[in-house]
Amino acid sequence: MRIGVFTVLFQDLPFEEALDKAVSAGVEAVEIGSGGYPGSHHCPVDELLESAEVRIQYLAAIQSRGLILSALSCHYEPLHPDQVIAEESDEVFRKSVRLAQMLEVPVVNVLSGLPAGSPTDTQPNWVTCPWPNHFTEILDYQWNQVGIPYWQGAEKFAAEHGIKIGVEMHPGMLVYNVESMLRLRDATGPALGCNFDPSHLLWNGVDPVAAIRKLGEAIVHVHGKDVYIDPYNVYVNGVNDGKPYGQIPDRSWTFRSIGYGHDAKAWKDWISALRMIGYDYVISIEHEDAMMSNDEGLSKGIALLKEAGISESAGDLFWA
């Protein structure tokens, strides 16, 4: 496995300076935003789509530094009830898929998005329980009338271009856990897979090892991000927490740099589980730690992943 970084961390730097920063930090791969919530600070999508020469120069800047481009990421809202937002999201996704094919990048990372509760609602509606019965009716509408039909078309488009979709399981979205991830994959096709981010699962009480083993070959990309779960606040309020991320002392959980939510043993277990199911690609660090600078958080995350990671093939079982 290779250690990478999601370059949105360096969004204030020009493209090549961001690459130099990644190299100096010690990573081997970059994940780059191609629109939507991550923005496209380091990816001039339209220029790259239009010009083979621009694409050659773009890849040369990455590859000449000994890096690979692990994924394009365009997390956004393709199921949003506001058609302007939904259509923009779909356009960003399709451009990202086309560009990924041209750049020979295997994965485009996304969010599933979240529909409204009915055709007349104006905002998305995340259902967290089955009763009263209108919640079950909302889920039926969201899945069968909006979510599955959209992603069936998107999966077909990606498959036609030889690209895997990495859906990040994210609370507040239609796909937020292993069950909903596999439900959407089963309803669409094998080109729709998972960008596995343990942080969002952990604060929901999920064991990443169990999740990895259940997802198996559905995992097409991995994010390296940790989370600290504050037991004192959880014991009082539970894990669902809508307070701003900056209110750390009062929150039930907080995103942290790798190793500051869960120790090296936990990360070794997760990486071993990834090796067990055959994943041997990139762990892309997504730094979102409000208690640590970007540089320090990235460097400490890299150090722990180097300790926990497995980079060589196992070889023959000479003892068996």
C-alpha atoms as a PDB file:
ATOM      1  CA  MET A   1       0.000   0.000   0.000  1.00  0.00           C
ATOM      2  CA  ARG A   2       1.067   3.567  -0.634  1.00  0.00           C
ATOM      3  CA  ILE A   3       0.560   6.609   1.573  1.00  0.00           C
ATOM      4  CA  GLY A   4      -1.068   9.557  -0.150  1.00  0.00           C
ATOM      5  CA  VAL A   5      -2.595  12.917   0.677  1.00  0.00           C
ATOM      6  CA  PHE A   6      -5.765  14.680  -0.417  1.00  0.00           C
ATOM      7  CA  THR A   7      -4.309  17.932  -1.757  1.00  0.00           C
ATOM      8  CA  VAL A   8      -7.286  20.032  -0.693  1.00  0.00           C
ATOM      9  CA  LEU A   9      -5.076  20.377   2.387  1.00  0.00           C
ATOM     10  CA  PHE A  10      -2.812  22.585   0.247  1.00  0.00           C
ATOM     11  CA  GLN A  11      -5.565  24.470  -1.557  1.00  0.00           C
ATOM     12  CA  ASP A  12      -3.908  27.830  -0.903  1.00  0.00           C
ATOM     13  CA  LEU A  13      -0.814  26.753  -2.854  1.00  0.00           C
ATOM     14  CA  PRO A  14      -0.410  26.627  -6.629  1.00  0.00           C
ATOM     15  CA  PHE A  15      -0.512  23.148  -8.163  1.00  0.00           C
ATOM     16  CA  GLU A  16       3.205  22.449  -8.442  1.00  0.00           C
ATOM     17  CA  GLU A  17       3.955  23.961  -5.037  1.00  0.00           C
ATOM     18  CA  ALA A  18       1.305  21.660  -3.568  1.00  0.00           C
ATOM     19  CA  LEU A  19       3.015  18.705  -5.237  1.00  0.00           C
ATOM     20  CA  ASP A  20       6.379  19.785  -3.828  1.00  0.00           C
ATOM     21  CA  LYS A  21       4.773  20.041  -0.399  1.00  0.00           C
ATOM     22  CA  ALA A  22       3.424  16.509  -0.743  1.00  0.00           C
ATOM     23  CA  VAL A  23       6.818  15.153  -1.763  1.00  0.00           C
ATOM     24  CA  SER A  24       8.610  16.904   1.078  1.00  0.00           C
ATOM     25  CA  ALA A  25       6.070  15.466   3.517  1.00  0.00           C
ATOM     26  CA  GLY A  26       6.977  11.971   2.342  1.00  0.00           C
ATOM     27  CA  VAL A  27       3.882  10.690   0.520  1.00  0.00           C
ATOM     28  CA  GLU A  28       3.804   8.689  -2.697  1.00  0.00           C
ATOM     29  CA  ALA A  29       0.364   9.603  -4.036  1.00  0.00           C
ATOM     30  CA  VAL A  30      -1.979  12.551  -4.388  1.00  0.00           C
ATOM     31  CA  GLU A  31      -5.766  12.648  -4.489  1.00  0.00           C
ATOM     32  CA  ILE A  32      -6.977  15.802  -6.209  1.00  0.00           C
ATOM     33  CA  GLY A  33     -10.309  17.603  -6.065  1.00  0.00           C
ATOM     34  CA  SER A  34     -12.092  18.017  -9.384  1.00  0.00           C
ATOM     35  CA  GLY A  35     -15.050  20.078  -8.200  1.00  0.00           C
ATOM     36  CA  GLY A  36     -17.977  20.045  -5.805  1.00  0.00           C
ATOM     37  CA  TYR A  37     -17.227  20.449  -2.105  1.00  0.00           C
ATOM     38  CA  PRO A  38     -13.450  19.792  -2.469  1.00  0.00           C
ATOM     39  CA  GLY A  39     -13.194  22.424  -5.185  1.00  0.00           C
ATOM     40  CA  SER A  40     -10.823  22.098  -8.119  1.00  0.00           C
ATOM     41  CA  HIS A  41      -7.915  24.217  -6.891  1.00  0.00           C
ATOM     42  CA  HIS A  42      -5.323  21.891  -8.412  1.00  0.00           C
ATOM     43  CA  CYS A  43      -7.339  20.539 -11.339  1.00  0.00           C
ATOM     44  CA  PRO A  44      -8.317  22.815 -14.264  1.00  0.00           C
ATOM     45  CA  VAL A  45     -10.922  20.326 -15.423  1.00  0.00           C
ATOM     46  CA  ASP A  46     -12.106  22.034 -18.614  1.00  0.00           C
ATOM     47  CA  GLU A  47      -8.572  22.780 -19.809  1.00  0.00           C
ATOM     48  CA  LEU A  48      -7.508  19.212 -19.167  1.00  0.00           C
ATOM     49  CA  LEU A  49     -10.523  17.810 -20.973  1.00  0.00           C
ATOM     50  CA  GLU A  50      -9.893  19.998 -24.000  1.00  0.00           C
ATOM     51  CA  SER A  51      -6.143  19.582 -24.464  1.00  0.00           C
ATOM     52  CA  ALA A  52      -4.000  16.455 -24.671  1.00  0.00           C
ATOM     53  CA  GLU A  53      -0.918  18.638 -24.308  1.00  0.00           C
ATOM     54  CA  VAL A  54      -2.200  20.145 -21.058  1.00  0.00           C
ATOM     55  CA  ARG A  55      -2.905  16.620 -19.768  1.00  0.00           C
ATOM     56  CA  ILE A  56       0.618  15.479 -20.662  1.00  0.00           C
ATOM     57  CA  GLN A  57       2.132  18.422 -18.801  1.00  0.00           C
ATOM     58  CA  TYR A  58      -0.205  17.892 -15.843  1.00  0.00           C
ATOM     59  CA  LEU A  59       0.701  14.230 -15.437  1.00  0.00           C
ATOM     60  CA  ALA A  60       4.377  14.983 -15.973  1.00  0.00           C
ATOM     61  CA  ALA A  61       4.304  17.407 -13.051  1.00  0.00           C
ATOM     62  CA  ILE A  62       2.944  14.608 -10.850  1.00  0.00           C
ATOM     63  CA  GLN A  63       4.962  11.679 -12.149  1.00  0.00           C
ATOM     64  CA  SER A  64       8.287  13.531 -12.388  1.00  0.00           C
ATOM     65  CA  ARG A  65       8.111  13.943  -8.615  1.00  0.00           C
ATOM     66  CA  GLY A  66       7.682  10.215  -8.099  1.00  0.00           C
ATOM     67  CA  LEU A  67       3.985  10.548  -7.276  1.00  0.00           C
ATOM     68  CA  ILE A  68       0.888   8.832  -8.611  1.00  0.00           C
ATOM     69  CA  LEU A  69      -2.583  10.347  -8.918  1.00  0.00           C
ATOM     70  CA  SER A  70      -4.755   7.982  -6.867  1.00  0.00           C
ATOM     71  CA  ALA A  71      -8.180   9.528  -7.480  1.00  0.00           C
ATOM     72  CA  LEU A  72     -10.158  12.546  -8.573  1.00  0.00           C
ATOM     73  CA  SER A  73     -12.674  13.632  -5.944  1.00  0.00           C
ATOM     74  CA  CYS A  74     -15.864  15.559  -6.605  1.00  0.00           C
ATOM     75  CA  HIS A  75     -18.010  15.049  -3.486  1.00  0.00           C
ATOM     76  CA  TYR A  76     -21.253  16.958  -4.012  1.00  0.00           C
ATOM     77  CA  GLU A  77     -25.071  16.687  -4.057  1.00  0.00           C
ATOM     78  CA  PRO A  78     -26.396  14.845  -7.133  1.00  0.00           C
ATOM     79  CA  LEU A  79     -29.674  13.906  -5.390  1.00  0.00           C
ATOM     80  CA  HIS A  80     -30.439  17.390  -4.061  1.00  0.00           C
ATOM     81  CA  PRO A  81     -34.033  18.620  -4.551  1.00  0.00           C
ATOM     82  CA  ASP A  82     -32.687  21.915  -5.947  1.00  0.00           C
ATOM     83  CA  GLN A  83     -32.290  20.969  -9.602  1.00  0.00           C
ATOM     84  CA  VAL A  84     -29.593  23.571 -10.162  1.00  0.00           C
ATOM     85  CA  ILE A  85     -27.416  21.941  -7.496  1.00  0.00           C
ATOM     86  CA  ALA A  86     -28.268  18.416  -8.671  1.00  0.00           C
ATOM     87  CA  GLU A  87     -27.490  19.180 -12.314  1.00  0.00           C
ATOM     88  CA  GLU A  88     -24.238  20.929 -11.406  1.00  0.00           C
ATOM     89  CA  SER A  89     -23.249  17.919  -9.291  1.00  0.00           C
ATOM     90  CA  ASP A  90     -23.992  15.523 -12.135  1.00  0.00           C
ATOM     91  CA  GLU A  91     -22.009  17.642 -14.592  1.00  0.00           C
ATOM     92  CA  VAL A  92     -19.023  17.760 -12.228  1.00  0.00           C
ATOM     93  CA  PHE A  93     -19.221  13.985 -11.761  1.00  0.00           C
ATOM     94  CA  ARG A  94     -19.393  13.203 -15.486  1.00  0.00           C
ATOM     95  CA  LYS A  95     -16.557  15.556 -16.313  1.00  0.00           C
ATOM     96  CA  SER A  96     -14.505  13.960 -13.547  1.00  0.00           C
ATOM     97  CA  VAL A  97     -15.159  10.470 -14.922  1.00  0.00           C
ATOM     98  CA  ARG A  98     -14.217  11.499 -18.453  1.00  0.00           C
ATOM     99  CA  LEU A  99     -11.057  13.195 -17.197  1.00  0.00           C
ATOM    100  CA  ALA A 100     -10.119  10.255 -14.985  1.00  0.00           C
ATOM    101  CA  GLN A 101     -10.252   7.991 -18.035  1.00  0.00           C
ATOM    102  CA  MET A 102      -8.024  10.371 -19.997  1.00  0.00           C
ATOM    103  CA  LEU A 103      -5.537  10.603 -17.132  1.00  0.00           C
ATOM    104  CA  GLU A 104      -5.683   6.829 -16.503  1.00  0.00           C
ATOM    105  CA  VAL A 105      -6.853   7.378 -12.943  1.00  0.00           C
ATOM    106  CA  PRO A 106      -8.938   4.405 -11.778  1.00  0.00           C
ATOM    107  CA  VAL A 107     -11.247   6.047  -9.237  1.00  0.00           C
ATOM    108  CA  VAL A 108     -13.549   9.046  -8.895  1.00  0.00           C
ATOM    109  CA  ASN A 109     -14.595   9.661  -5.282  1.00  0.00           C
ATOM    110  CA  VAL A 110     -18.064  11.015  -4.491  1.00  0.00           C
ATOM    111  CA  LEU A 111     -20.807  11.326  -1.910  1.00  0.00           C
ATOM    112  CA  SER A 112     -24.053   9.517  -2.604  1.00  0.00           C
ATOM    113  CA  GLY A 113     -26.013  12.701  -2.011  1.00  0.00           C
ATOM    114  CA  LEU A 114     -29.335  12.907  -0.185  1.00  0.00           C
ATOM    115  CA  PRO A 115     -32.826  13.514  -1.620  1.00  0.00           C
ATOM    116  CA  ALA A 116     -35.646  15.458  -0.085  1.00  0.00           C
ATOM    117  CA  GLY A 117     -38.383  13.687   1.822  1.00  0.00           C
ATOM    118  CA  SER A 118     -40.915  14.086  -1.008  1.00  0.00           C
ATOM    119  CA  PRO A 119     -41.125  15.594  -4.508  1.00  0.00           C
ATOM    120  CA  THR A 120     -42.396  18.860  -3.034  1.00  0.00           C
ATOM    121  CA  ASP A 121     -39.728  19.378  -0.343  1.00  0.00           C
ATOM    122  CA  THR A 122     -36.975  21.927  -0.865  1.00  0.00           C
ATOM    123  CA  GLN A 123     -34.219  20.528   1.375  1.00  0.00           C
ATOM    124  CA  PRO A 124     -32.658  17.066   1.831  1.00  0.00           C
ATOM    125  CA  ASN A 125     -34.023  14.949   4.683  1.00  0.00           C
ATOM    126  CA  TRP A 126     -31.825  12.435   6.520  1.00  0.00           C
ATOM    127  CA  VAL A 127     -33.927   9.737   8.186  1.00  0.00           C
ATOM    128  CA  THR A 128     -32.483   8.132  11.323  1.00  0.00           C
ATOM    129  CA  CYS A 129     -35.408   5.992  12.564  1.00  0.00           C
ATOM    130  CA  PRO A 130     -38.349   4.059  11.069  1.00  0.00           C
ATOM    131  CA  TRP A 131     -41.205   5.529  13.124  1.00  0.00           C
ATOM    132  CA  PRO A 132     -43.502   7.444  12.840  1.00  0.00           C
ATOM    133  CA  ASN A 133     -44.411   5.752   9.584  1.00  0.00           C
ATOM    134  CA  HIS A 134     -43.786   8.821   7.423  1.00  0.00           C
ATOM    135  CA  PHE A 135     -40.057   8.171   7.886  1.00  0.00           C
ATOM    136  CA  THR A 136     -40.381   4.762   6.234  1.00  0.00           C
ATOM    137  CA  GLU A 137     -42.331   6.392   3.401  1.00  0.00           C
ATOM    138  CA  ILE A 138     -39.556   8.961   3.006  1.00  0.00           C
ATOM    139  CA  LEU A 139     -36.922   6.227   2.753  1.00  0.00           C
ATOM    140  CA  ASP A 140     -38.929   4.430   0.087  1.00  0.00           C
ATOM    141  CA  TYR A 141     -39.135   7.637  -1.946  1.00  0.00           C
ATOM    142  CA  GLN A 142     -35.462   8.485  -1.467  1.00  0.00           C
ATOM    143  CA  TRP A 143     -34.174   5.076  -2.474  1.00  0.00           C
ATOM    144  CA  ASN A 144     -36.583   3.832  -5.095  1.00  0.00           C
ATOM    145  CA  GLN A 145     -37.636   7.034  -6.826  1.00  0.00           C
ATOM    146  CA  VAL A 146     -34.462   9.141  -6.587  1.00  0.00           C
ATOM    147  CA  GLY A 147     -31.288   7.469  -5.332  1.00  0.00           C
ATOM    148  CA  ILE A 148     -31.247   4.136  -7.152  1.00  0.00           C
ATOM    149  CA  PRO A 149     -32.415   5.521 -10.524  1.00  0.00           C
ATOM    150  CA  TYR A 150     -29.756   8.247 -10.498  1.00  0.00           C
ATOM    151  CA  TRP A 151     -26.880   5.997  -9.487  1.00  0.00           C
ATOM    152  CA  GLN A 152     -27.887   3.282 -11.953  1.00  0.00           C
ATOM    153  CA  GLY A 153     -27.238   5.779 -14.742  1.00  0.00           C
ATOM    154  CA  ALA A 154     -24.080   7.095 -13.088  1.00  0.00           C
ATOM    155  CA  GLU A 155     -22.685   3.581 -12.572  1.00  0.00           C
ATOM    156  CA  LYS A 156     -23.320   2.723 -16.210  1.00  0.00           C
ATOM    157  CA  PHE A 157     -21.571   5.924 -17.314  1.00  0.00           C
ATOM    158  CA  ALA A 158     -18.539   5.171 -15.127  1.00  0.00           C
ATOM    159  CA  ALA A 159     -18.372   1.561 -16.316  1.00  0.00           C
ATOM    160  CA  GLU A 160     -18.449   2.672 -19.948  1.00  0.00           C
ATOM    161  CA  HIS A 161     -15.375   4.809 -19.224  1.00  0.00           C
ATOM    162  CA  GLY A 162     -13.531   2.111 -17.254  1.00  0.00           C
ATOM    163  CA  ILE A 163     -13.755   4.048 -13.987  1.00  0.00           C
ATOM    164  CA  LYS A 164     -14.694   2.938 -10.469  1.00  0.00           C
ATOM    165  CA  ILE A 165     -16.897   5.197  -8.335  1.00  0.00           C
ATOM    166  CA  GLY A 166     -15.711   5.510  -4.726  1.00  0.00           C
ATOM    167  CA  VAL A 167     -18.763   6.415  -2.643  1.00  0.00           C
ATOM    168  CA  GLU A 168     -17.747   7.734   0.758  1.00  0.00           C
ATOM    169  CA  MET A 169     -20.081   6.478   3.481  1.00  0.00           C
ATOM    170  CA  HIS A 170     -20.983   9.721   5.210  1.00  0.00           C
ATOM    171  CA  PRO A 171     -23.670  10.499   7.811  1.00  0.00           C
ATOM    172  CA  GLY A 172     -26.215  12.930   6.407  1.00  0.00           C
ATOM    173  CA  MET A 173     -26.133  11.136   3.048  1.00  0.00           C
ATOM    174  CA  LEU A 174     -28.207   8.311   1.592  1.00  0.00           C
ATOM    175  CA  VAL A 175     -25.156   6.030   1.871  1.00  0.00           C
ATOM    176  CA  TYR A 176     -23.739   6.327   5.374  1.00  0.00           C
ATOM    177  CA  ASN A 177     -22.907   2.774   6.509  1.00  0.00           C
ATOM    178  CA  VAL A 178     -21.979  -0.645   5.135  1.00  0.00           C
ATOM    179  CA  GLU A 179     -25.576  -1.801   4.684  1.00  0.00           C
ATOM    180  CA  SER A 180     -26.589   1.265   2.659  1.00  0.00           C
ATOM    181  CA  MET A 181     -23.328   1.099   0.674  1.00  0.00           C
ATOM    182  CA  LEU A 182     -23.913  -2.493  -0.367  1.00  0.00           C
ATOM    183  CA  ARG A 183     -27.595  -1.838  -1.027  1.00  0.00           C
ATOM    184  CA  LEU A 184     -26.707   0.838  -3.583  1.00  0.00           C
ATOM    185  CA  ARG A 185     -23.955  -1.314  -5.124  1.00  0.00           C
ATOM    186  CA  ASP A 186     -26.322  -4.276  -5.457  1.00  0.00           C
ATOM    187  CA  ALA A 187     -28.941  -2.047  -7.104  1.00  0.00           C
ATOM    188  CA  THR A 188     -26.483  -0.538  -9.609  1.00  0.00           C
ATOM    189  CA  GLY A 189     -23.387  -2.544 -10.493  1.00  0.00           C
ATOM    190  CA  PRO A 190     -19.737  -3.335  -9.733  1.00  0.00           C
ATOM    191  CA  ALA A 191     -18.397  -0.019 -11.035  1.00  0.00           C
ATOM    192  CA  LEU A 192     -19.953   1.582  -7.953  1.00  0.00           C
ATOM    193  CA  GLY A 193     -17.673   0.908  -4.995  1.00  0.00           C
ATOM    194  CA  CYS A 194     -16.567   2.450  -1.734  1.00  0.00           C
ATOM    195  CA  ASN A 195     -14.062   5.106  -0.753  1.00  0.00           C
ATOM    196  CA  PHE A 196     -13.498   3.710   2.746  1.00  0.00           C
ATOM    197  CA  ASP A 197     -13.110   6.415   5.408  1.00  0.00           C
ATOM    198  CA  PRO A 198     -12.993   4.906   8.923  1.00  0.00           C
ATOM    199  CA  SER A 199     -13.603   8.187  10.733  1.00  0.00           C
ATOM    200  CA  HIS A 200     -17.287   8.504   9.790  1.00  0.00           C
ATOM    201  CA  LEU A 201     -17.949   4.907  10.746  1.00  0.00           C
ATOM    202  CA  LEU A 202     -16.132   5.006  14.068  1.00  0.00           C
ATOM    203  CA  TRP A 203     -18.281   7.632  15.729  1.00  0.00           C
ATOM    204  CA  ASN A 204     -21.322   5.577  14.750  1.00  0.00           C
ATOM    205  CA  GLY A 205     -19.974   2.593  16.686  1.00  0.00           C
ATOM    206  CA  VAL A 206     -18.778   0.599  13.671  1.00  0.00           C
ATOM    207  CA  ASP A 207     -15.739  -1.683  13.907  1.00  0.00           C
ATOM    208  CA  PRO A 208     -13.630  -0.881  10.808  1.00  0.00           C
ATOM    209  CA  VAL A 209     -12.257  -4.436  10.638  1.00  0.00           C
ATOM    210  CA  ALA A 210     -15.768  -5.867  10.446  1.00  0.00           C
ATOM    211  CA  ALA A 211     -16.772  -3.207   7.913  1.00  0.00           C
ATOM    212  CA  ILE A 212     -13.742  -3.883   5.707  1.00  0.00           C
ATOM    213  CA  ARG A 213     -14.325  -7.627   5.719  1.00  0.00           C
ATOM    214  CA  LYS A 214     -18.005  -7.187   4.847  1.00  0.00           C
ATOM    215  CA  LEU A 215     -17.291  -4.688   2.044  1.00  0.00           C
ATOM    216  CA  GLY A 216     -14.465  -6.737   0.523  1.00  0.00           C
ATOM    217  CA  GLU A 217     -13.838  -5.957  -3.143  1.00  0.00           C
ATOM    218  CA  ALA A 218     -16.296  -3.056  -3.001  1.00  0.00           C
ATOM    219  CA  ILE A 219     -13.474  -0.963  -1.481  1.00  0.00           C
ATOM    220  CA  VAL A 220     -11.762   0.894  -4.333  1.00  0.00           C
ATOM    221  CA  HIS A 221     -10.001   3.702  -2.416  1.00  0.00           C
ATOM    222  CA  VAL A 222      -9.239   4.472   1.235  1.00  0.00           C
ATOM    223  CA  HIS A 223      -9.073   7.701   3.230  1.00  0.00           C
ATOM    224  CA  GLY A 224      -6.749   8.013   6.196  1.00  0.00           C
ATOM    225  CA  LYS A 225      -8.649  10.036   8.802  1.00  0.00           C
ATOM    226  CA  ASP A 226      -9.149   9.524  12.506  1.00  0.00           C
ATOM    227  CA  VAL A 227     -11.763  10.644  15.005  1.00  0.00           C
ATOM    228  CA  TYR A 228     -11.733  11.122  18.766  1.00  0.00           C
ATOM    229  CA  ILE A 229     -14.908  10.018  20.494  1.00  0.00           C
ATOM    230  CA  ASP A 230     -15.411  11.952  23.734  1.00  0.00           C
ATOM    231  CA  PRO A 231     -16.884   9.453  26.227  1.00  0.00           C
ATOM    232  CA  TYR A 232     -18.101  12.127  28.646  1.00  0.00           C
ATOM    233  CA  ASN A 233     -20.219  13.880  26.050  1.00  0.00           C
ATOM    234  CA  VAL A 234     -21.369  10.612  24.461  1.00  0.00           C
ATOM    235  CA  TYR A 235     -22.564   9.302  27.826  1.00  0.00           C
ATOM    236  CA  VAL A 236     -24.724  12.418  28.155  1.00  0.00           C
ATOM    237  CA  ASN A 237     -25.894  13.097  24.604  1.00  0.00           C
ATOM    238  CA  GLY A 238     -25.090  10.089  22.420  1.00  0.00           C
ATOM    239  CA  VAL A 239     -23.138  10.253  19.179  1.00  0.00           C
ATOM    240  CA  ASN A 240     -25.383  12.296  16.887  1.00  0.00           C
ATOM    241  CA  ASP A 241     -24.032  15.813  17.206  1.00  0.00           C
ATOM    242  CA  GLY A 242     -24.999  18.871  15.188  1.00  0.00           C
ATOM    243  CA  LYS A 243     -22.850  21.397  17.030  1.00  0.00           C
ATOM    244  CA  PRO A 244     -20.187  23.289  15.010  1.00  0.00           C
ATOM    245  CA  TYR A 245     -16.875  21.436  14.655  1.00  0.00           C
ATOM    246  CA  GLY A 246     -15.059  24.208  16.505  1.00  0.00           C
ATOM    247  CA  GLN A 247     -16.926  23.524  19.769  1.00  0.00           C
ATOM    248  CA  ILE A 248     -14.576  20.661  20.574  1.00  0.00           C
ATOM    249  CA  PRO A 249     -15.026  20.514  24.388  1.00  0.00           C
ATOM    250  CA  ASP A 250     -18.786  20.151  23.957  1.00  0.00           C
ATOM    251  CA  ARG A 251     -18.906  17.745  21.015  1.00  0.00           C
ATOM    252  CA  SER A 252     -19.399  13.985  21.175  1.00  0.00           C
ATOM    253  CA  TRP A 253     -16.693  13.426  18.555  1.00  0.00           C
ATOM    254  CA  THR A 254     -14.014  15.379  16.716  1.00  0.00           C
ATOM    255  CA  PHE A 255     -11.954  14.607  13.634  1.00  0.00           C
ATOM    256  CA  ARG A 256      -8.301  14.112  14.572  1.00  0.00           C
ATOM    257  CA  SER A 257      -4.980  13.426  12.923  1.00  0.00           C
ATOM    258  CA  ILE A 258      -4.151   9.749  12.485  1.00  0.00           C
ATOM    259  CA  GLY A 259      -3.127   8.296  15.846  1.00  0.00           C
ATOM    260  CA  TYR A 260      -4.882  10.932  17.948  1.00  0.00           C
ATOM    261  CA  GLY A 261      -8.237   9.190  17.932  1.00  0.00           C
ATOM    262  CA  HIS A 262      -7.090   5.570  17.738  1.00  0.00           C
ATOM    263  CA  ASP A 263      -3.659   4.150  18.389  1.00  0.00           C
ATOM    264  CA  ALA A 264      -1.190   2.350  16.141  1.00  0.00           C
ATOM    265  CA  LYS A 265      -2.590  -1.065  17.056  1.00  0.00           C
ATOM    266  CA  ALA A 266      -6.011  -0.074  15.759  1.00  0.00           C
ATOM    267  CA  TRP A 267      -4.553   1.212  12.498  1.00  0.00           C
ATOM    268  CA  LYS A 268      -2.466  -1.973  12.144  1.00  0.00           C
ATOM    269  CA  ASP A 269      -5.645  -4.024  12.519  1.00  0.00           C
ATOM    270  CA  TRP A 270      -7.466  -1.973   9.883  1.00  0.00           C
ATOM    271  CA  ILE A 271      -4.577  -2.125   7.427  1.00  0.00           C
ATOM    272  CA  SER A 272      -4.216  -5.868   7.994  1.00  0.00           C
ATOM    273  CA  ALA A 273      -7.926  -6.258   7.241  1.00  0.00           C
ATOM    274  CA  LEU A 274      -7.454  -4.305   4.014  1.00  0.00           C
ATOM    275  CA  ARG A 275      -4.581  -6.626   3.086  1.00  0.00           C
ATOM    276  CA  MET A 276      -6.789  -9.617   3.927  1.00  0.00           C
ATOM    277  CA  ILE A 277      -9.504  -8.572   1.454  1.00  0.00           C
ATOM    278  CA  GLY A 278      -6.919  -7.862  -1.255  1.00  0.00           C
ATOM    279  CA  TYR A 279      -6.751  -4.070  -1.135  1.00  0.00           C
ATOM    280  CA  ASP A 280      -3.243  -2.932  -2.091  1.00  0.00           C
ATOM    281  CA  TYR A 281      -3.645   0.616  -3.346  1.00  0.00           C
ATOM    282  CA  VAL A 282      -3.495   3.982  -1.551  1.00  0.00           C
ATOM    283  CA  ILE A 283      -4.370   5.278   1.901  1.00  0.00           C
ATOM    284  CA  SER A 284      -4.966   8.959   1.216  1.00  0.00           C
ATOM    285  CA  ILE A 285      -4.645  11.170   4.287  1.00  0.00           C
ATOM    286  CA  GLU A 286      -7.496  13.641   4.668  1.00  0.00           C
ATOM    287  CA  HIS A 287      -6.441  16.131   7.327  1.00  0.00           C
ATOM    288  CA  GLU A 288      -9.373  17.754   9.166  1.00  0.00           C
ATOM    289  CA  ASP A 289      -7.960  18.211  12.662  1.00  0.00           C
ATOM    290  CA  ALA A 290      -8.984  21.511  14.290  1.00  0.00           C
ATOM    291  CA  MET A 291      -6.468  20.973  17.109  1.00  0.00           C
ATOM    292  CA  MET A 292      -3.342  20.549  14.983  1.00  0.00           C
ATOM    293  CA  SER A 293      -1.692  22.440  12.134  1.00  0.00           C
ATOM    294  CA  ASN A 294      -1.811  20.999   8.640  1.00  0.00           C
ATOM    295  CA  ASP A 295       1.919  20.311   8.537  1.00  0.00           C
ATOM    296  CA  GLU A 296       2.113  18.698  11.972  1.00  0.00           C
ATOM    297  CA  GLY A 297      -1.051  16.670  11.486  1.00  0.00           C
ATOM    298  CA  LEU A 298       0.111  15.376   8.118  1.00  0.00           C
ATOM    299  CA  SER A 299       3.621  14.527   9.289  1.00  0.00           C
ATOM    300  CA  LYS A 300       2.372  12.635  12.348  1.00  0.00           C
ATOM    301  CA  GLY A 301      -0.215  10.809  10.277  1.00  0.00           C
ATOM    302  CA  ILE A 302       2.432   9.736   7.770  1.00  0.00           C
ATOM    303  CA  ALA A 303       4.711   8.545  10.562  1.00  0.00           C
ATOM    304  CA  LEU A 304       1.994   6.347  12.061  1.00  0.00           C
ATOM    305  CA  LEU A 305       0.953   4.931   8.689  1.00  0.00           C
ATOM    306  CA  LYS A 306       4.577   4.085   7.927  1.00  0.00           C
ATOM    307  CA  GLU A 307       4.701   2.151  11.182  1.00  0.00           C
ATOM    308  CA  ALA A 308       1.346   0.451  10.655  1.00  0.00           C
ATOM    309  CA  GLY A 309       1.457   0.017   6.897  1.00  0.00           C
ATOM    310  CA  ILE A 310       2.317  -3.069   4.865  1.00  0.00           C
ATOM    311  CA  SER A 311       4.258  -2.253   1.714  1.00  0.00           C
ATOM    312  CA  GLU A 312       5.813  -5.563   0.623  1.00  0.00           C
ATOM    313  CA  SER A 313       4.161  -8.734  -0.647  1.00  0.00           C
ATOM    314  CA  ALA A 314       4.060 -11.579   1.864  1.00  0.00           C
ATOM    315  CA  GLY A 315       5.930 -14.017  -0.364  1.00  0.00           C
ATOM    316  CA  ASP A 316       5.772 -17.790  -0.118  1.00  0.00           C
ATOM    317  CA  LEU A 317       4.700 -19.471   3.102  1.00  0.00           C
ATOM    318  CA  PHE A 318       8.068 -21.161   3.497  1.00  0.00           C
ATOM    319  CA  TRP A 319       7.130 -22.518   6.924  1.00  0.00           C
ATOM    320  CA  ALA A 320       3.945 -24.230   5.790  1.00  0.00           C
END
